[in-house]
């Protein structure tokens, strides 16, 4: 199985919505934050839908079940947030 180097270096341990941003705590204690406006589905979601985040794929991805959206940590780190 192939992996991106970023997938081997860190994983998400916690994810939450706060003040218009998606916040992610990584296993190495760094935090990543990005505005929901970077992704069309997230931008159109309610605060309750945004807060309902699941960490998937052994910590390498995020899933919002209420709006059926998935983002990989590698994509987020590389600045790819889906279609805005």
C-alpha atoms as a PDB file:
ATOM      1  CA  UNK A   1       0.000   0.000   0.000  1.00  0.00           C
ATOM      2  CA  UNK A   2       1.275   3.472  -0.858  1.00  0.00           C
ATOM      3  CA  UNK A   3       1.219   6.317   1.630  1.00  0.00           C
ATOM      4  CA  UNK A   4       1.881  10.013   1.385  1.00  0.00           C
ATOM      5  CA  UNK A   5       4.753  11.037   3.657  1.00  0.00           C
ATOM      6  CA  UNK A   6       2.410  13.357   5.581  1.00  0.00           C
ATOM      7  CA  UNK A   7       0.176  10.377   6.427  1.00  0.00           C
ATOM      8  CA  UNK A   8       3.098   8.681   8.130  1.00  0.00           C
ATOM      9  CA  UNK A   9       4.168  11.732  10.144  1.00  0.00           C
ATOM     10  CA  UNK A  10       0.991  12.693  11.995  1.00  0.00           C
ATOM     11  CA  UNK A  11      -2.652  11.913  12.579  1.00  0.00           C
ATOM     12  CA  UNK A  12      -5.657  13.815  13.879  1.00  0.00           C
ATOM     13  CA  UNK A  13      -6.488  13.165  17.528  1.00  0.00           C
ATOM     14  CA  UNK A  14      -9.320  15.701  17.849  1.00  0.00           C
ATOM     15  CA  UNK A  15     -11.370  17.867  15.477  1.00  0.00           C
ATOM     16  CA  UNK A  16     -13.929  20.563  16.233  1.00  0.00           C
ATOM     17  CA  UNK A  17     -15.676  23.638  14.836  1.00  0.00           C
ATOM     18  CA  UNK A  18     -14.993  27.023  16.451  1.00  0.00           C
ATOM     19  CA  UNK A  19     -15.705  30.613  15.340  1.00  0.00           C
ATOM     20  CA  UNK A  20     -16.059  29.860  11.627  1.00  0.00           C
ATOM     21  CA  UNK A  21     -13.056  27.541  11.498  1.00  0.00           C
ATOM     22  CA  UNK A  22     -12.403  23.821  11.481  1.00  0.00           C
ATOM     23  CA  UNK A  23      -9.757  23.029  14.101  1.00  0.00           C
ATOM     24  CA  UNK A  24      -7.650  19.889  14.168  1.00  0.00           C
ATOM     25  CA  UNK A  25      -5.301  18.723  16.916  1.00  0.00           C
ATOM     26  CA  UNK A  26      -2.521  16.528  15.555  1.00  0.00           C
ATOM     27  CA  UNK A  27      -0.754  13.682  17.318  1.00  0.00           C
ATOM     28  CA  UNK A  28       2.411  15.810  17.583  1.00  0.00           C
ATOM     29  CA  UNK A  29       0.380  18.497  19.462  1.00  0.00           C
ATOM     30  CA  UNK A  30       0.264  20.968  16.546  1.00  0.00           C
ATOM     31  CA  UNK A  31      -3.060  22.536  15.622  1.00  0.00           C
ATOM     32  CA  UNK A  32      -4.334  23.238  12.134  1.00  0.00           C
ATOM     33  CA  UNK A  33      -7.234  25.626  11.528  1.00  0.00           C
ATOM     34  CA  UNK A  34      -8.940  26.638   8.322  1.00  0.00           C
ATOM     35  CA  UNK A  35     -12.035  28.733   7.570  1.00  0.00           C
ATOM     36  CA  UNK A  36     -15.149  26.846   6.503  1.00  0.00           C
ATOM     37  CA  UNK A  37     -15.378  29.187   3.496  1.00  0.00           C
ATOM     38  CA  UNK A  38     -12.595  27.133   1.903  1.00  0.00           C
ATOM     39  CA  UNK A  39     -15.109  24.317   1.202  1.00  0.00           C
ATOM     40  CA  UNK A  40     -18.554  24.784  -0.362  1.00  0.00           C
ATOM     41  CA  UNK A  41     -20.325  22.041   1.632  1.00  0.00           C
ATOM     42  CA  UNK A  42     -18.850  23.245   4.911  1.00  0.00           C
ATOM     43  CA  UNK A  43     -19.699  26.856   4.085  1.00  0.00           C
ATOM     44  CA  UNK A  44     -23.375  25.936   3.564  1.00  0.00           C
ATOM     45  CA  UNK A  45     -23.627  23.745   6.696  1.00  0.00           C
ATOM     46  CA  UNK A  46     -25.165  24.747  10.018  1.00  0.00           C
ATOM     47  CA  UNK A  47     -23.001  25.082  13.139  1.00  0.00           C
ATOM     48  CA  UNK A  48     -24.433  21.807  14.484  1.00  0.00           C
ATOM     49  CA  UNK A  49     -23.545  20.014  11.242  1.00  0.00           C
ATOM     50  CA  UNK A  50     -20.051  21.503  11.306  1.00  0.00           C
ATOM     51  CA  UNK A  51     -19.486  20.396  14.896  1.00  0.00           C
ATOM     52  CA  UNK A  52     -20.359  16.777  14.036  1.00  0.00           C
ATOM     53  CA  UNK A  53     -16.908  15.697  12.798  1.00  0.00           C
ATOM     54  CA  UNK A  54     -15.648  12.126  12.748  1.00  0.00           C
ATOM     55  CA  UNK A  55     -11.961  11.265  12.554  1.00  0.00           C
ATOM     56  CA  UNK A  56     -11.599   8.466   9.998  1.00  0.00           C
ATOM     57  CA  UNK A  57      -8.955   6.293   8.329  1.00  0.00           C
ATOM     58  CA  UNK A  58      -6.745   5.898  11.399  1.00  0.00           C
ATOM     59  CA  UNK A  59      -6.616   9.649  11.936  1.00  0.00           C
ATOM     60  CA  UNK A  60      -5.729  10.628   8.368  1.00  0.00           C
ATOM     61  CA  UNK A  61      -9.145  11.978   7.396  1.00  0.00           C
ATOM     62  CA  UNK A  62     -12.182  13.899   8.599  1.00  0.00           C
ATOM     63  CA  UNK A  63     -15.814  13.082   7.836  1.00  0.00           C
ATOM     64  CA  UNK A  64     -18.946  15.188   8.343  1.00  0.00           C
ATOM     65  CA  UNK A  65     -21.788  12.614   8.252  1.00  0.00           C
ATOM     66  CA  UNK A  66     -24.586  15.197   8.237  1.00  0.00           C
ATOM     67  CA  UNK A  67     -23.391  16.718   4.952  1.00  0.00           C
ATOM     68  CA  UNK A  68     -21.532  13.707   3.502  1.00  0.00           C
ATOM     69  CA  UNK A  69     -18.173  15.462   3.195  1.00  0.00           C
ATOM     70  CA  UNK A  70     -14.690  13.999   3.622  1.00  0.00           C
ATOM     71  CA  UNK A  71     -11.300  15.709   3.698  1.00  0.00           C
ATOM     72  CA  UNK A  72      -7.873  14.146   4.112  1.00  0.00           C
ATOM     73  CA  UNK A  73      -5.283  15.636   6.431  1.00  0.00           C
ATOM     74  CA  UNK A  74      -2.776  15.472   3.600  1.00  0.00           C
ATOM     75  CA  UNK A  75      -5.096  17.565   1.425  1.00  0.00           C
ATOM     76  CA  UNK A  76      -5.702  20.075   4.212  1.00  0.00           C
ATOM     77  CA  UNK A  77      -1.969  20.454   4.875  1.00  0.00           C
ATOM     78  CA  UNK A  78      -1.386  20.893   1.130  1.00  0.00           C
ATOM     79  CA  UNK A  79      -4.123  23.541   0.900  1.00  0.00           C
ATOM     80  CA  UNK A  80      -6.717  21.366  -0.864  1.00  0.00           C
ATOM     81  CA  UNK A  81     -10.105  21.816   0.791  1.00  0.00           C
ATOM     82  CA  UNK A  82     -12.427  20.489  -1.891  1.00  0.00           C
ATOM     83  CA  UNK A  83     -14.329  22.826  -4.162  1.00  0.00           C
ATOM     84  CA  UNK A  84     -15.063  26.281  -2.784  1.00  0.00           C
END
